[in-house]
Amino acid sequence: MSFEPKQKIELDPPSNEAISLDYLSKCDGSHEGYPTYVAIKGTVFDVTGNKAYGPGGSYKVFAGKDASRALAQSSLKEEECRPEWQDLSDEYKKVLSDWFTFFSKRYNVKGKVEGATNQ
């Protein structure tokens, strides 16, 4: 997996704002007036504008939630889109770490999931 985007992306400084699970759940691309967010390891990334995370998009299952476990396992199953990942094998943890790096080079960090214990 290549971590560097093809073209340099100017990102905003990361925010440490606490984002509630209720608010995050509305950021799934289907609620008008809300951005589209994906959380990984408790960090919330703004993927608004990337159609893949919107309604009908191939990665819409990740939007509006902490999808750490699903990303670690390269799974598109709704039931795997949850924050718990610590019990996974080192191989999966490496994949998750790679996804975190990939997102951090492409999307603005909007905050942390309130009360997250999976960082």
Protein backbone atom coordinates (compact mmCIF):
# COMPACT_ATOMS: atom_id res chain seq x y z
CA MET A 1 0.00 0.00 0.00
CA SER A 2 1.42 3.38 -1.00
CA PHE A 3 0.95 5.94 1.73
CA GLU A 4 1.84 9.10 -0.17
CA PRO A 5 -0.97 10.61 -2.24
CA LYS A 6 -0.21 11.12 -5.95
CA GLN A 7 -0.57 14.87 -5.45
CA LYS A 8 0.39 16.73 -2.28
CA ILE A 9 -2.64 17.38 -0.10
CA GLU A 10 -2.64 20.40 2.19
CA LEU A 11 -4.25 19.26 5.42
CA ASP A 12 -5.55 21.40 8.27
CA PRO A 13 -3.86 21.01 11.65
CA PRO A 14 -5.47 18.04 13.45
CA SER A 15 -8.31 18.87 15.83
CA ASN A 16 -8.67 17.28 19.26
CA GLU A 17 -12.39 18.03 19.49
CA ALA A 18 -14.44 15.35 21.26
CA ILE A 19 -16.98 13.90 18.84
CA SER A 20 -19.90 12.00 20.35
CA LEU A 21 -20.94 8.62 18.96
CA ASP A 22 -24.38 10.10 18.31
CA TYR A 23 -22.93 12.89 16.16
CA LEU A 24 -20.54 10.49 14.42
CA SER A 25 -23.47 8.20 13.52
CA LYS A 26 -25.11 11.11 11.65
CA CYS A 27 -21.91 11.62 9.63
CA ASP A 28 -22.58 8.62 7.39
CA GLY A 29 -23.15 10.57 4.19
CA SER A 30 -26.95 10.28 4.27
CA HIS A 31 -27.85 13.16 6.61
CA GLU A 32 -28.11 16.55 4.91
CA GLY A 33 -25.98 19.24 6.52
CA TYR A 34 -23.58 16.73 8.11
CA PRO A 35 -20.08 15.92 6.90
CA THR A 36 -19.01 12.34 6.16
CA TYR A 37 -16.63 10.93 8.78
CA VAL A 38 -14.76 7.66 9.27
CA ALA A 39 -13.07 6.95 12.62
CA ILE A 40 -10.01 4.73 12.94
CA LYS A 41 -8.55 3.90 16.35
CA GLY A 42 -10.68 6.66 17.89
CA THR A 43 -9.45 9.35 15.48
CA VAL A 44 -12.11 10.95 13.27
CA PHE A 45 -11.25 11.67 9.63
CA ASP A 46 -13.33 13.90 7.34
CA VAL A 47 -13.90 11.96 4.10
CA THR A 48 -16.59 14.35 2.83
CA GLY A 49 -16.30 14.69 -0.92
CA ASN A 50 -15.02 11.17 -1.48
CA LYS A 51 -18.02 9.47 -3.10
CA ALA A 52 -16.74 6.02 -2.09
CA TYR A 53 -17.87 6.76 1.51
CA GLY A 54 -21.25 8.24 0.59
CA PRO A 55 -24.58 6.51 -0.01
CA GLY A 56 -24.11 3.86 -2.68
CA GLY A 57 -20.32 4.09 -2.42
CA SER A 58 -18.18 0.98 -2.16
CA TYR A 59 -16.90 2.03 1.31
CA LYS A 60 -20.14 3.49 2.71
CA VAL A 61 -20.14 0.77 5.38
CA PHE A 62 -17.25 2.59 7.14
CA ALA A 63 -18.93 6.02 7.25
CA GLY A 64 -20.40 7.33 10.49
CA LYS A 65 -18.61 4.89 12.78
CA ASP A 66 -15.28 3.71 14.08
CA ALA A 67 -14.49 1.03 11.52
CA SER A 68 -11.13 -0.04 12.97
CA ARG A 69 -11.83 -3.77 13.15
CA ALA A 70 -13.26 -3.96 9.61
CA LEU A 71 -10.34 -2.01 8.14
CA ALA A 72 -7.81 -4.18 9.98
CA GLN A 73 -9.44 -7.28 8.50
CA SER A 74 -10.08 -5.71 5.06
CA SER A 75 -13.75 -6.51 5.62
CA LEU A 76 -16.79 -4.73 4.19
CA LYS A 77 -19.15 -6.52 6.61
CA GLU A 78 -21.36 -4.15 8.62
CA GLU A 79 -20.93 -6.23 11.81
CA GLU A 80 -17.13 -5.86 11.63
CA CYS A 81 -17.33 -2.04 11.57
CA ARG A 82 -16.65 -1.54 15.24
CA PRO A 83 -13.91 0.04 17.33
CA GLU A 84 -12.49 -3.07 19.04
CA TRP A 85 -9.25 -4.21 17.42
CA GLN A 86 -6.81 -4.92 20.30
CA ASP A 87 -7.54 -8.67 20.27
CA LEU A 88 -6.54 -9.06 16.61
CA SER A 89 -3.30 -10.70 15.44
CA ASP A 90 -0.18 -8.63 14.85
CA GLU A 91 -0.72 -9.05 11.11
CA TYR A 92 -4.14 -7.37 11.34
CA LYS A 93 -2.79 -4.68 13.66
CA LYS A 94 -0.17 -3.83 11.02
CA VAL A 95 -2.88 -3.55 8.36
CA LEU A 96 -4.86 -1.23 10.65
CA SER A 97 -1.77 0.87 11.30
CA ASP A 98 -1.23 1.12 7.54
CA TRP A 99 -4.81 2.27 7.01
CA PHE A 100 -4.40 4.88 9.75
CA THR A 101 -1.28 6.21 7.99
CA PHE A 102 -3.05 6.17 4.61
CA PHE A 103 -6.01 8.20 5.97
CA SER A 104 -3.79 10.62 7.91
CA LYS A 105 -2.02 11.63 4.70
CA ARG A 106 -5.27 12.27 2.81
CA TYR A 107 -8.00 13.44 5.18
CA ASN A 108 -8.32 16.12 7.84
CA VAL A 109 -8.50 14.93 11.45
CA LYS A 110 -11.66 16.42 12.94
CA GLY A 111 -11.28 15.08 16.46
CA LYS A 112 -11.43 12.03 18.68
CA VAL A 113 -14.39 9.79 19.42
CA GLU A 114 -15.66 10.79 22.85
CA GLY A 115 -14.62 8.18 25.41
CA ALA A 116 -12.68 6.09 22.88
CA THR A 117 -10.52 3.41 24.48
CA ASN A 118 -9.17 1.92 21.24
CA GLN A 119 -6.37 4.33 20.35
